[in-house]
Structures are given as C-alpha cells and as structure tokens.
Amino acid sequence: MLVTSKEMILKAQAGNYAVGAFNIENMEMAMAAVKAAEDLHAPIILQTTPGTVDYATLELYFANVKAIADMVKVPVAIHLDHGSSFELAMQALHAGYTSIMIDGSHLPFEENVAVSRRVVDACKPNNIPVEAELGKVGGKEDKLDGGSNNPYTEPAEAKEFVAQTDVDFLAIAVGTIHGIYKGEPKIDMDRLSEIRQVVDVPLVLHGTSGVPDEQVREAIKRGICKVNYATDLRIAYTKGARANLADDKVIDPKKYGKAGMKEVYALVADKIKVVGSDNKA
C-alpha cells in the first residue's frame, strides 16, 4: 500500500530501528525492492533523484511505484531524493509523491532555511513530510556532485535549522559520501550523538552504500531513523544483468532484467535486516 514516509519513520524512531530507503532506476529495481520488503514484512521507501526523473519523468516513476505498492500490504512510500529546487519539489508533490526532500545544503544557512521552509509550507497542507539537509554530504553520484572537504553538520546549527524550518526529517553530514568510497568510511559517531541530543526530528543518513553494516547499526542506535542506499543497488542490478549479457545469444530483456532483479532483491533483503525494519510493517 502506498503511504507517506512520516508514520513509518516516526515508528522507527520510537522503536530504535531505521527504515531503508532505496534508490530505483527502473521498474525491475522497484519490483525487486518491494518484493523483498513484502517477504520480510518491512516498510520501505523507494527514491528517485533529479537525474533519475530526467531519464523518465516523475509521473512515470510514480505510476510504477503506485501500481507495485497497490499489490502488497506492506507500507511503501515514494520519495524525491535530493530535490534540487522548490520547483522540482512542487512537481513531485503534484505528481503524487508521498515524501519530499529539498536539498539546500549547497546554499548559505539562511538561504537553505528559506527554501526548506517554503517547501514545508507547501507540503504540510497536503500531509506530505519534508526532509532537508544541513551540512554537506560529499562524493558524486548521478547528477549530484557533493564535492570534497565538505562541512559536517554542526549540532547548534541543526537545532536552529529545525526550529526555523519545521522539517519532518533532517539529513546530516557526519562522514559519509555519495557514490563509491576510495577508502573505508568512518562515521563521526560522537557528532551524531551530539546532534541527536539537540534535535527531536528523525535523522537521515545519506551515502550509506559501502559503509560497514556495524557502523550503520551503531548510527541507528545513536539516532538515525532513515538509511539511504543508492550505489549498492546500481551495482547489484548491473552485476546480474551483465552476467547474462556476456552470452551473445541472450536478446530477451526479461532474462537479464530478472537476473538484475534477483541481485537487487538479495541486497535489499540484507539491508532491511541491517537497519532492523524486518517484521515492523
């Protein structure tokens, strides 16, 4: 069933676990991810980035996710990940998205507050939750280039940001990056705990692909309630498809599509268990 992300994330916050949020690129990835959630009785969030919706459209991804969600009993939300402008956030809202992120992390603090508050004011009358980002998660993925040497989230600023914007969820920068890590990532757990002490809204961890599971579990203990996975899903789907495409006789997209789905299913099922959302639907 298609729902907003708010109830499932607040439930996760109260239960000391997190909800997995998985970036999808096509129908097959969406089908595999939701099947894993259904089999594990877990809530799930499916996400699309600005680059993904440029490839198709917001309406096309929404239609796919809604059709899949309507076939299962577990809660499924569709989320705009890293919404790059107020205009794109509004397009997602009007397309039917049940969760919206506005990413003003590249802007000065006051401008980030202003655009985030504007999106919140537009979404709240529709009961659609809003995620914003403070600090800047580095790395590069899709059309998102977070750069390097980015500022981590400051606890005092996080407290002020939430108070001024009234966002539902806050994505924070504590050492993760988007894309593929060149070394072993290390989350600043002390900073995460400090932010949790002064911010009441659920916290979001971006750039989790490649982060060791034990670090993810510790981050959840310290207040993370939504965990994003993107690059890992791309790698998984491509791995399955590529293995079949090595055979020149394979010309049926359904065959390599199913192979990609199998890998995505296994990955999503594993990460659902890591974040602790299995049997929480």
C-alpha atoms as a PDB file:
ATOM      1  CA  MET A   1       0.000   0.000   0.000  1.00  0.00           C
ATOM      2  CA  LEU A   2       1.195   3.482  -0.843  1.00  0.00           C
ATOM      3  CA  VAL A   3       1.658   5.725   2.199  1.00  0.00           C
ATOM      4  CA  THR A   4       3.689   8.725   3.273  1.00  0.00           C
ATOM      5  CA  SER A   5       7.062   8.169   4.891  1.00  0.00           C
ATOM      6  CA  LYS A   6       6.163  10.028   8.089  1.00  0.00           C
ATOM      7  CA  GLU A   7       4.351   7.355  10.062  1.00  0.00           C
ATOM      8  CA  MET A   8       6.863   4.617   9.224  1.00  0.00           C
ATOM      9  CA  ILE A   9       9.847   6.803  10.167  1.00  0.00           C
ATOM     10  CA  LEU A  10       8.284   8.036  13.408  1.00  0.00           C
ATOM     11  CA  LYS A  11       7.509   4.423  14.271  1.00  0.00           C
ATOM     12  CA  ALA A  12      11.150   3.541  13.576  1.00  0.00           C
ATOM     13  CA  GLN A  13      12.308   6.383  15.803  1.00  0.00           C
ATOM     14  CA  ALA A  14      10.125   5.123  18.649  1.00  0.00           C
ATOM     15  CA  GLY A  15      11.295   1.544  18.106  1.00  0.00           C
ATOM     16  CA  ASN A  16      15.033   2.296  17.792  1.00  0.00           C
ATOM     17  CA  TYR A  17      15.412   0.940  14.278  1.00  0.00           C
ATOM     18  CA  ALA A  18      15.518   2.589  10.846  1.00  0.00           C
ATOM     19  CA  VAL A  19      13.654   2.388   7.557  1.00  0.00           C
ATOM     20  CA  GLY A  20      15.628   1.517   4.456  1.00  0.00           C
ATOM     21  CA  ALA A  21      15.288   3.988   1.577  1.00  0.00           C
ATOM     22  CA  PHE A  22      16.359   2.558  -1.764  1.00  0.00           C
ATOM     23  CA  ASN A  23      17.023   4.500  -4.964  1.00  0.00           C
ATOM     24  CA  ILE A  24      15.466   2.921  -8.032  1.00  0.00           C
ATOM     25  CA  GLU A  25      16.234   3.460 -11.697  1.00  0.00           C
ATOM     26  CA  ASN A  26      13.647   1.273 -13.405  1.00  0.00           C
ATOM     27  CA  MET A  27      10.559  -0.888 -12.905  1.00  0.00           C
ATOM     28  CA  GLU A  28      12.604  -4.001 -12.238  1.00  0.00           C
ATOM     29  CA  MET A  29      14.501  -2.463  -9.332  1.00  0.00           C
ATOM     30  CA  ALA A  30      11.239  -1.213  -7.820  1.00  0.00           C
ATOM     31  CA  MET A  31       9.593  -4.628  -8.146  1.00  0.00           C
ATOM     32  CA  ALA A  32      12.551  -6.422  -6.570  1.00  0.00           C
ATOM     33  CA  ALA A  33      12.868  -3.989  -3.673  1.00  0.00           C
ATOM     34  CA  VAL A  34       9.177  -4.125  -2.782  1.00  0.00           C
ATOM     35  CA  LYS A  35       9.161  -7.924  -3.065  1.00  0.00           C
ATOM     36  CA  ALA A  36      11.987  -8.077  -0.526  1.00  0.00           C
ATOM     37  CA  ALA A  37      10.064  -5.761   1.806  1.00  0.00           C
ATOM     38  CA  GLU A  38       6.910  -7.829   1.401  1.00  0.00           C
ATOM     39  CA  ASP A  39       8.696 -11.095   2.159  1.00  0.00           C
ATOM     40  CA  LEU A  40      10.317  -9.598   5.262  1.00  0.00           C
ATOM     41  CA  HIS A  41       7.183  -7.719   6.402  1.00  0.00           C
ATOM     42  CA  ALA A  42       9.088  -4.432   6.324  1.00  0.00           C
ATOM     43  CA  PRO A  43       8.159  -0.843   5.482  1.00  0.00           C
ATOM     44  CA  ILE A  44      10.139   0.541   2.575  1.00  0.00           C
ATOM     45  CA  ILE A  45      10.875   3.861   0.863  1.00  0.00           C
ATOM     46  CA  LEU A  46      11.652   3.970  -2.861  1.00  0.00           C
ATOM     47  CA  GLN A  47      13.537   7.062  -4.022  1.00  0.00           C
ATOM     48  CA  THR A  48      14.274   8.874  -7.262  1.00  0.00           C
ATOM     49  CA  THR A  49      16.870  11.593  -7.791  1.00  0.00           C
ATOM     50  CA  PRO A  50      16.631  14.576 -10.158  1.00  0.00           C
ATOM     51  CA  GLY A  51      18.838  12.664 -12.596  1.00  0.00           C
ATOM     52  CA  THR A  52      16.556   9.650 -12.470  1.00  0.00           C
ATOM     53  CA  VAL A  53      13.420  11.646 -13.187  1.00  0.00           C
ATOM     54  CA  ASP A  54      15.241  13.389 -16.036  1.00  0.00           C
ATOM     55  CA  TYR A  55      15.725   9.927 -17.540  1.00  0.00           C
ATOM     56  CA  ALA A  56      11.991   9.273 -17.400  1.00  0.00           C
ATOM     57  CA  THR A  57       9.525  11.525 -15.554  1.00  0.00           C
ATOM     58  CA  LEU A  58       8.155  11.968 -12.048  1.00  0.00           C
ATOM     59  CA  GLU A  59       4.776  10.786 -13.307  1.00  0.00           C
ATOM     60  CA  LEU A  60       6.177   7.605 -14.834  1.00  0.00           C
ATOM     61  CA  TYR A  61       8.088   6.604 -11.706  1.00  0.00           C
ATOM     62  CA  PHE A  62       5.103   7.421  -9.515  1.00  0.00           C
ATOM     63  CA  ALA A  63       2.804   5.292 -11.680  1.00  0.00           C
ATOM     64  CA  ASN A  64       5.204   2.338 -11.479  1.00  0.00           C
ATOM     65  CA  VAL A  65       5.638   2.569  -7.715  1.00  0.00           C
ATOM     66  CA  LYS A  66       1.929   3.074  -7.040  1.00  0.00           C
ATOM     67  CA  ALA A  67       0.999   0.047  -9.147  1.00  0.00           C
ATOM     68  CA  ILE A  68       3.545  -2.095  -7.302  1.00  0.00           C
ATOM     69  CA  ALA A  69       2.577  -0.723  -3.883  1.00  0.00           C
ATOM     70  CA  ASP A  70      -1.101  -1.388  -4.521  1.00  0.00           C
ATOM     71  CA  MET A  71      -0.315  -5.096  -4.888  1.00  0.00           C
ATOM     72  CA  VAL A  72       1.225  -5.511  -1.419  1.00  0.00           C
ATOM     73  CA  LYS A  73       0.135  -4.977   2.167  1.00  0.00           C
ATOM     74  CA  VAL A  74       3.405  -3.559   3.498  1.00  0.00           C
ATOM     75  CA  PRO A  75       3.725   0.255   3.572  1.00  0.00           C
ATOM     76  CA  VAL A  76       5.566   1.738   0.588  1.00  0.00           C
ATOM     77  CA  ALA A  77       6.483   5.414   0.194  1.00  0.00           C
ATOM     78  CA  ILE A  78       7.837   7.161  -2.899  1.00  0.00           C
ATOM     79  CA  HIS A  79      10.345   9.867  -2.068  1.00  0.00           C
ATOM     80  CA  LEU A  80      12.031  12.636  -4.063  1.00  0.00           C
ATOM     81  CA  ASP A  81      15.698  12.333  -3.124  1.00  0.00           C
ATOM     82  CA  HIS A  82      17.866  15.463  -3.223  1.00  0.00           C
ATOM     83  CA  GLY A  83      15.203  17.718  -4.675  1.00  0.00           C
ATOM     84  CA  SER A  84      17.325  20.422  -6.245  1.00  0.00           C
ATOM     85  CA  SER A  85      14.806  23.263  -6.300  1.00  0.00           C
ATOM     86  CA  PHE A  86      11.460  24.427  -4.958  1.00  0.00           C
ATOM     87  CA  GLU A  87      10.020  23.952  -8.441  1.00  0.00           C
ATOM     88  CA  LEU A  88      11.082  20.292  -8.662  1.00  0.00           C
ATOM     89  CA  ALA A  89       9.738  19.631  -5.166  1.00  0.00           C
ATOM     90  CA  MET A  90       6.373  21.041  -6.204  1.00  0.00           C
ATOM     91  CA  GLN A  91       6.360  18.972  -9.391  1.00  0.00           C
ATOM     92  CA  ALA A  92       6.922  15.846  -7.279  1.00  0.00           C
ATOM     93  CA  LEU A  93       4.158  16.879  -4.889  1.00  0.00           C
ATOM     94  CA  HIS A  94       1.701  17.374  -7.757  1.00  0.00           C
ATOM     95  CA  ALA A  95       2.771  14.078  -9.366  1.00  0.00           C
ATOM     96  CA  GLY A  96       1.693  12.235  -6.216  1.00  0.00           C
ATOM     97  CA  TYR A  97       4.977  11.664  -4.389  1.00  0.00           C
ATOM     98  CA  THR A  98       4.359  10.831  -0.736  1.00  0.00           C
ATOM     99  CA  SER A  99       7.644  12.149   0.644  1.00  0.00           C
ATOM    100  CA  ILE A 100       9.781  15.101  -0.484  1.00  0.00           C
ATOM    101  CA  MET A 101      13.384  16.125   0.076  1.00  0.00           C
ATOM    102  CA  ILE A 102      14.590  19.639  -0.594  1.00  0.00           C
ATOM    103  CA  ASP A 103      18.375  19.820  -0.652  1.00  0.00           C
ATOM    104  CA  GLY A 104      19.614  23.344   0.012  1.00  0.00           C
ATOM    105  CA  SER A 105      22.822  22.134   1.646  1.00  0.00           C
ATOM    106  CA  HIS A 106      24.921  23.895  -1.007  1.00  0.00           C
ATOM    107  CA  LEU A 107      23.376  27.239  -0.038  1.00  0.00           C
ATOM    108  CA  PRO A 108      24.292  29.592   2.817  1.00  0.00           C
ATOM    109  CA  PHE A 109      22.465  28.739   6.048  1.00  0.00           C
ATOM    110  CA  GLU A 110      19.824  31.462   5.714  1.00  0.00           C
ATOM    111  CA  GLU A 111      19.024  30.533   2.104  1.00  0.00           C
ATOM    112  CA  ASN A 112      18.832  26.836   2.993  1.00  0.00           C
ATOM    113  CA  VAL A 113      16.377  27.724   5.760  1.00  0.00           C
ATOM    114  CA  ALA A 114      14.296  29.845   3.390  1.00  0.00           C
ATOM    115  CA  VAL A 115      13.904  27.286   0.596  1.00  0.00           C
ATOM    116  CA  SER A 116      13.340  24.441   3.062  1.00  0.00           C
ATOM    117  CA  ARG A 117      10.653  26.403   4.902  1.00  0.00           C
ATOM    118  CA  ARG A 118       8.978  27.263   1.622  1.00  0.00           C
ATOM    119  CA  VAL A 119       8.729  23.586   0.678  1.00  0.00           C
ATOM    120  CA  VAL A 120       7.455  22.678   4.153  1.00  0.00           C
ATOM    121  CA  ASP A 121       4.745  25.336   3.953  1.00  0.00           C
ATOM    122  CA  ALA A 122       3.600  23.963   0.599  1.00  0.00           C
ATOM    123  CA  CYS A 123       3.655  20.297   1.625  1.00  0.00           C
ATOM    124  CA  LYS A 124       2.151  20.405   5.120  1.00  0.00           C
ATOM    125  CA  PRO A 125      -1.417  21.219   3.995  1.00  0.00           C
ATOM    126  CA  ASN A 126      -1.194  18.047   1.880  1.00  0.00           C
ATOM    127  CA  ASN A 127       0.183  15.992   4.810  1.00  0.00           C
ATOM    128  CA  ILE A 128       3.357  15.233   2.866  1.00  0.00           C
ATOM    129  CA  PRO A 129       6.521  15.080   5.017  1.00  0.00           C
ATOM    130  CA  VAL A 130       9.653  17.007   4.083  1.00  0.00           C
ATOM    131  CA  GLU A 131      13.302  16.066   4.510  1.00  0.00           C
ATOM    132  CA  ALA A 132      16.038  18.703   4.320  1.00  0.00           C
ATOM    133  CA  GLU A 133      19.826  18.558   4.574  1.00  0.00           C
ATOM    134  CA  LEU A 134      22.233  20.574   6.693  1.00  0.00           C
ATOM    135  CA  GLY A 135      25.973  20.218   6.340  1.00  0.00           C
ATOM    136  CA  LYS A 136      27.035  18.691   3.070  1.00  0.00           C
ATOM    137  CA  VAL A 137      27.394  15.008   2.218  1.00  0.00           C
ATOM    138  CA  GLY A 138      30.316  14.743  -0.194  1.00  0.00           C
ATOM    139  CA  GLY A 139      31.019  12.498  -3.153  1.00  0.00           C
ATOM    140  CA  LYS A 140      29.499  12.244  -6.614  1.00  0.00           C
ATOM    141  CA  GLU A 141      26.549  10.230  -7.818  1.00  0.00           C
ATOM    142  CA  ASP A 142      24.239  10.696 -10.789  1.00  0.00           C
ATOM    143  CA  LYS A 143      23.892  14.482 -11.298  1.00  0.00           C
ATOM    144  CA  LEU A 144      24.724  15.144  -7.661  1.00  0.00           C
ATOM    145  CA  ASP A 145      28.253  16.392  -7.013  1.00  0.00           C
ATOM    146  CA  GLY A 146      28.827  16.987  -3.322  1.00  0.00           C
ATOM    147  CA  GLY A 147      32.488  17.791  -3.797  1.00  0.00           C
ATOM    148  CA  SER A 148      35.108  17.078  -1.136  1.00  0.00           C
ATOM    149  CA  ASN A 149      36.213  18.622   2.152  1.00  0.00           C
ATOM    150  CA  ASN A 150      32.600  19.427   2.966  1.00  0.00           C
ATOM    151  CA  PRO A 151      31.469  20.819   6.300  1.00  0.00           C
ATOM    152  CA  TYR A 152      29.949  18.403   8.774  1.00  0.00           C
ATOM    153  CA  THR A 153      26.656  19.289  10.417  1.00  0.00           C
ATOM    154  CA  GLU A 154      27.078  21.475  13.497  1.00  0.00           C
ATOM    155  CA  PRO A 155      24.727  20.488  16.363  1.00  0.00           C
ATOM    156  CA  ALA A 156      23.832  24.075  17.273  1.00  0.00           C
ATOM    157  CA  GLU A 157      23.028  24.908  13.657  1.00  0.00           C
ATOM    158  CA  ALA A 158      20.959  21.729  13.346  1.00  0.00           C
ATOM    159  CA  LYS A 159      18.849  22.758  16.323  1.00  0.00           C
ATOM    160  CA  GLU A 160      18.268  26.227  14.871  1.00  0.00           C
ATOM    161  CA  PHE A 161      17.596  24.871  11.383  1.00  0.00           C
ATOM    162  CA  VAL A 162      14.880  22.500  12.574  1.00  0.00           C
ATOM    163  CA  ALA A 163      13.279  25.224  14.687  1.00  0.00           C
ATOM    164  CA  GLN A 164      13.159  27.661  11.770  1.00  0.00           C
ATOM    165  CA  THR A 165      12.063  25.248   9.036  1.00  0.00           C
ATOM    166  CA  ASP A 166       9.764  22.796  10.858  1.00  0.00           C
ATOM    167  CA  VAL A 167      11.090  19.979   8.640  1.00  0.00           C
ATOM    168  CA  ASP A 168       9.945  16.445   9.405  1.00  0.00           C
ATOM    169  CA  PHE A 169      13.345  14.780   8.911  1.00  0.00           C
ATOM    170  CA  LEU A 170      16.909  16.070   8.822  1.00  0.00           C
ATOM    171  CA  ALA A 171      19.709  14.610   6.684  1.00  0.00           C
ATOM    172  CA  ILE A 172      23.059  15.251   8.330  1.00  0.00           C
ATOM    173  CA  ALA A 173      26.706  15.193   7.259  1.00  0.00           C
ATOM    174  CA  VAL A 174      28.736  13.006   9.613  1.00  0.00           C
ATOM    175  CA  GLY A 175      31.364  11.457   7.352  1.00  0.00           C
ATOM    176  CA  THR A 176      29.540   9.516   4.638  1.00  0.00           C
ATOM    177  CA  ILE A 177      29.741  10.315   0.911  1.00  0.00           C
ATOM    178  CA  HIS A 178      27.680   9.612  -2.174  1.00  0.00           C
ATOM    179  CA  GLY A 179      28.958   7.114  -4.710  1.00  0.00           C
ATOM    180  CA  ILE A 180      31.845   4.670  -4.295  1.00  0.00           C
ATOM    181  CA  TYR A 181      34.276   5.043  -1.385  1.00  0.00           C
ATOM    182  CA  LYS A 182      38.008   5.076  -2.132  1.00  0.00           C
ATOM    183  CA  GLY A 183      38.859   4.089   1.439  1.00  0.00           C
ATOM    184  CA  GLU A 184      36.934   2.742   4.407  1.00  0.00           C
ATOM    185  CA  PRO A 185      34.291   5.215   5.544  1.00  0.00           C
ATOM    186  CA  LYS A 186      34.144   6.340   9.142  1.00  0.00           C
ATOM    187  CA  ILE A 187      31.042   7.925  10.625  1.00  0.00           C
ATOM    188  CA  ASP A 188      31.612  10.597  13.275  1.00  0.00           C
ATOM    189  CA  MET A 189      29.501   8.885  15.937  1.00  0.00           C
ATOM    190  CA  ASP A 190      30.177  11.475  18.618  1.00  0.00           C
ATOM    191  CA  ARG A 191      28.903  14.268  16.371  1.00  0.00           C
ATOM    192  CA  LEU A 192      25.834  12.188  15.539  1.00  0.00           C
ATOM    193  CA  SER A 193      25.083  11.739  19.247  1.00  0.00           C
ATOM    194  CA  GLU A 194      25.527  15.462  19.865  1.00  0.00           C
ATOM    195  CA  ILE A 195      23.050  16.278  17.089  1.00  0.00           C
ATOM    196  CA  ARG A 196      20.563  13.751  18.449  1.00  0.00           C
ATOM    197  CA  GLN A 197      20.705  15.418  21.860  1.00  0.00           C
ATOM    198  CA  VAL A 198      19.527  18.774  20.498  1.00  0.00           C
ATOM    199  CA  VAL A 199      17.268  17.723  17.596  1.00  0.00           C
ATOM    200  CA  ASP A 200      13.988  15.867  18.101  1.00  0.00           C
ATOM    201  CA  VAL A 201      13.085  15.076  14.476  1.00  0.00           C
ATOM    202  CA  PRO A 202      14.223  11.793  12.894  1.00  0.00           C
ATOM    203  CA  LEU A 203      17.724  11.913  11.405  1.00  0.00           C
ATOM    204  CA  VAL A 204      18.674  10.609   7.964  1.00  0.00           C
ATOM    205  CA  LEU A 205      21.941   9.016   6.820  1.00  0.00           C
ATOM    206  CA  HIS A 206      22.874   9.543   3.168  1.00  0.00           C
ATOM    207  CA  GLY A 207      25.734   7.914   1.289  1.00  0.00           C
ATOM    208  CA  THR A 208      25.395   4.584   3.094  1.00  0.00           C
ATOM    209  CA  SER A 209      26.389   2.338   0.189  1.00  0.00           C
ATOM    210  CA  GLY A 210      29.757   0.854   1.127  1.00  0.00           C
ATOM    211  CA  VAL A 211      29.504   1.745   4.829  1.00  0.00           C
ATOM    212  CA  PRO A 212      30.186  -1.338   7.006  1.00  0.00           C
ATOM    213  CA  ASP A 213      26.994  -2.768   8.482  1.00  0.00           C
ATOM    214  CA  GLU A 214      28.298  -2.465  12.031  1.00  0.00           C
ATOM    215  CA  GLN A 215      28.714   1.307  11.568  1.00  0.00           C
ATOM    216  CA  VAL A 216      25.180   1.575  10.210  1.00  0.00           C
ATOM    217  CA  ARG A 217      23.808  -0.312  13.218  1.00  0.00           C
ATOM    218  CA  GLU A 218      25.722   1.931  15.609  1.00  0.00           C
ATOM    219  CA  ALA A 219      24.458   5.037  13.815  1.00  0.00           C
ATOM    220  CA  ILE A 220      20.893   3.775  14.227  1.00  0.00           C
ATOM    221  CA  LYS A 221      21.481   3.278  17.955  1.00  0.00           C
ATOM    222  CA  ARG A 222      22.568   6.925  18.092  1.00  0.00           C
ATOM    223  CA  GLY A 223      19.508   8.312  16.346  1.00  0.00           C
ATOM    224  CA  ILE A 224      19.463   7.574  12.597  1.00  0.00           C
ATOM    225  CA  CYS A 225      15.920   6.612  11.530  1.00  0.00           C
ATOM    226  CA  LYS A 226      16.178   6.549   7.712  1.00  0.00           C
ATOM    227  CA  VAL A 227      19.093   4.969   5.857  1.00  0.00           C
ATOM    228  CA  ASN A 228      19.650   5.667   2.146  1.00  0.00           C
ATOM    229  CA  TYR A 229      21.102   3.165  -0.293  1.00  0.00           C
ATOM    230  CA  ALA A 230      21.689   4.026  -3.956  1.00  0.00           C
ATOM    231  CA  THR A 231      25.050   2.996  -5.429  1.00  0.00           C
ATOM    232  CA  ASP A 232      24.792  -0.525  -3.982  1.00  0.00           C
ATOM    233  CA  LEU A 233      21.538  -1.080  -5.886  1.00  0.00           C
ATOM    234  CA  ARG A 234      23.047   0.079  -9.165  1.00  0.00           C
ATOM    235  CA  ILE A 235      25.988  -2.252  -8.687  1.00  0.00           C
ATOM    236  CA  ALA A 236      23.703  -5.167  -7.813  1.00  0.00           C
ATOM    237  CA  TYR A 237      21.353  -4.709 -10.770  1.00  0.00           C
ATOM    238  CA  THR A 238      24.206  -4.237 -13.227  1.00  0.00           C
ATOM    239  CA  LYS A 239      26.015  -7.297 -11.879  1.00  0.00           C
ATOM    240  CA  GLY A 240      23.019  -9.529 -12.560  1.00  0.00           C
ATOM    241  CA  ALA A 241      22.290  -8.080 -15.975  1.00  0.00           C
ATOM    242  CA  ARG A 242      25.921  -8.105 -17.089  1.00  0.00           C
ATOM    243  CA  ALA A 243      26.377 -11.780 -16.245  1.00  0.00           C
ATOM    244  CA  ASN A 244      23.606 -12.667 -18.692  1.00  0.00           C
ATOM    245  CA  LEU A 245      24.655 -10.215 -21.380  1.00  0.00           C
ATOM    246  CA  ALA A 246      28.000 -11.978 -21.665  1.00  0.00           C
ATOM    247  CA  ASP A 247      26.099 -14.558 -23.712  1.00  0.00           C
ATOM    248  CA  ASP A 248      25.551 -13.155 -27.220  1.00  0.00           C
ATOM    249  CA  LYS A 249      22.525 -15.411 -27.622  1.00  0.00           C
ATOM    250  CA  VAL A 250      20.653 -13.567 -24.873  1.00  0.00           C
ATOM    251  CA  ILE A 251      18.437 -10.979 -26.549  1.00  0.00           C
ATOM    252  CA  ASP A 252      15.380 -11.031 -24.285  1.00  0.00           C
ATOM    253  CA  PRO A 253      15.427  -8.050 -21.852  1.00  0.00           C
ATOM    254  CA  LYS A 254      13.246 -10.047 -19.456  1.00  0.00           C
ATOM    255  CA  LYS A 255      16.022 -12.576 -18.944  1.00  0.00           C
ATOM    256  CA  TYR A 256      18.738 -10.137 -17.898  1.00  0.00           C
ATOM    257  CA  GLY A 257      16.138  -7.971 -16.181  1.00  0.00           C
ATOM    258  CA  LYS A 258      15.181 -10.897 -13.945  1.00  0.00           C
ATOM    259  CA  ALA A 259      18.857 -11.551 -13.235  1.00  0.00           C
ATOM    260  CA  GLY A 260      19.268  -7.946 -12.136  1.00  0.00           C
ATOM    261  CA  MET A 261      16.137  -8.192 -10.006  1.00  0.00           C
ATOM    262  CA  LYS A 262      17.495 -11.245  -8.234  1.00  0.00           C
ATOM    263  CA  GLU A 263      20.609  -9.340  -7.168  1.00  0.00           C
ATOM    264  CA  VAL A 264      18.610  -6.280  -6.071  1.00  0.00           C
ATOM    265  CA  TYR A 265      16.224  -8.464  -4.084  1.00  0.00           C
ATOM    266  CA  ALA A 266      19.117 -10.068  -2.204  1.00  0.00           C
ATOM    267  CA  LEU A 267      20.735  -6.708  -1.462  1.00  0.00           C
ATOM    268  CA  VAL A 268      17.539  -5.021  -0.263  1.00  0.00           C
ATOM    269  CA  ALA A 269      16.619  -8.019   1.892  1.00  0.00           C
ATOM    270  CA  ASP A 270      20.049  -7.891   3.514  1.00  0.00           C
ATOM    271  CA  LYS A 271      19.904  -4.143   4.183  1.00  0.00           C
ATOM    272  CA  ILE A 272      16.382  -4.383   5.609  1.00  0.00           C
ATOM    273  CA  LYS A 273      17.792  -6.751   8.207  1.00  0.00           C
ATOM    274  CA  VAL A 274      20.763  -4.449   8.832  1.00  0.00           C
ATOM    275  CA  VAL A 275      18.534  -1.454   9.613  1.00  0.00           C
ATOM    276  CA  GLY A 276      16.241  -3.639  11.707  1.00  0.00           C
ATOM    277  CA  SER A 277      12.966  -2.962   9.893  1.00  0.00           C
ATOM    278  CA  ASP A 278      12.089  -6.598   9.185  1.00  0.00           C
ATOM    279  CA  ASN A 279       8.783  -7.646  10.784  1.00  0.00           C
ATOM    280  CA  LYS A 280       7.970  -3.986  11.510  1.00  0.00           C
ATOM    281  CA  ALA A 281       5.289  -3.481   8.828  1.00  0.00           C
END
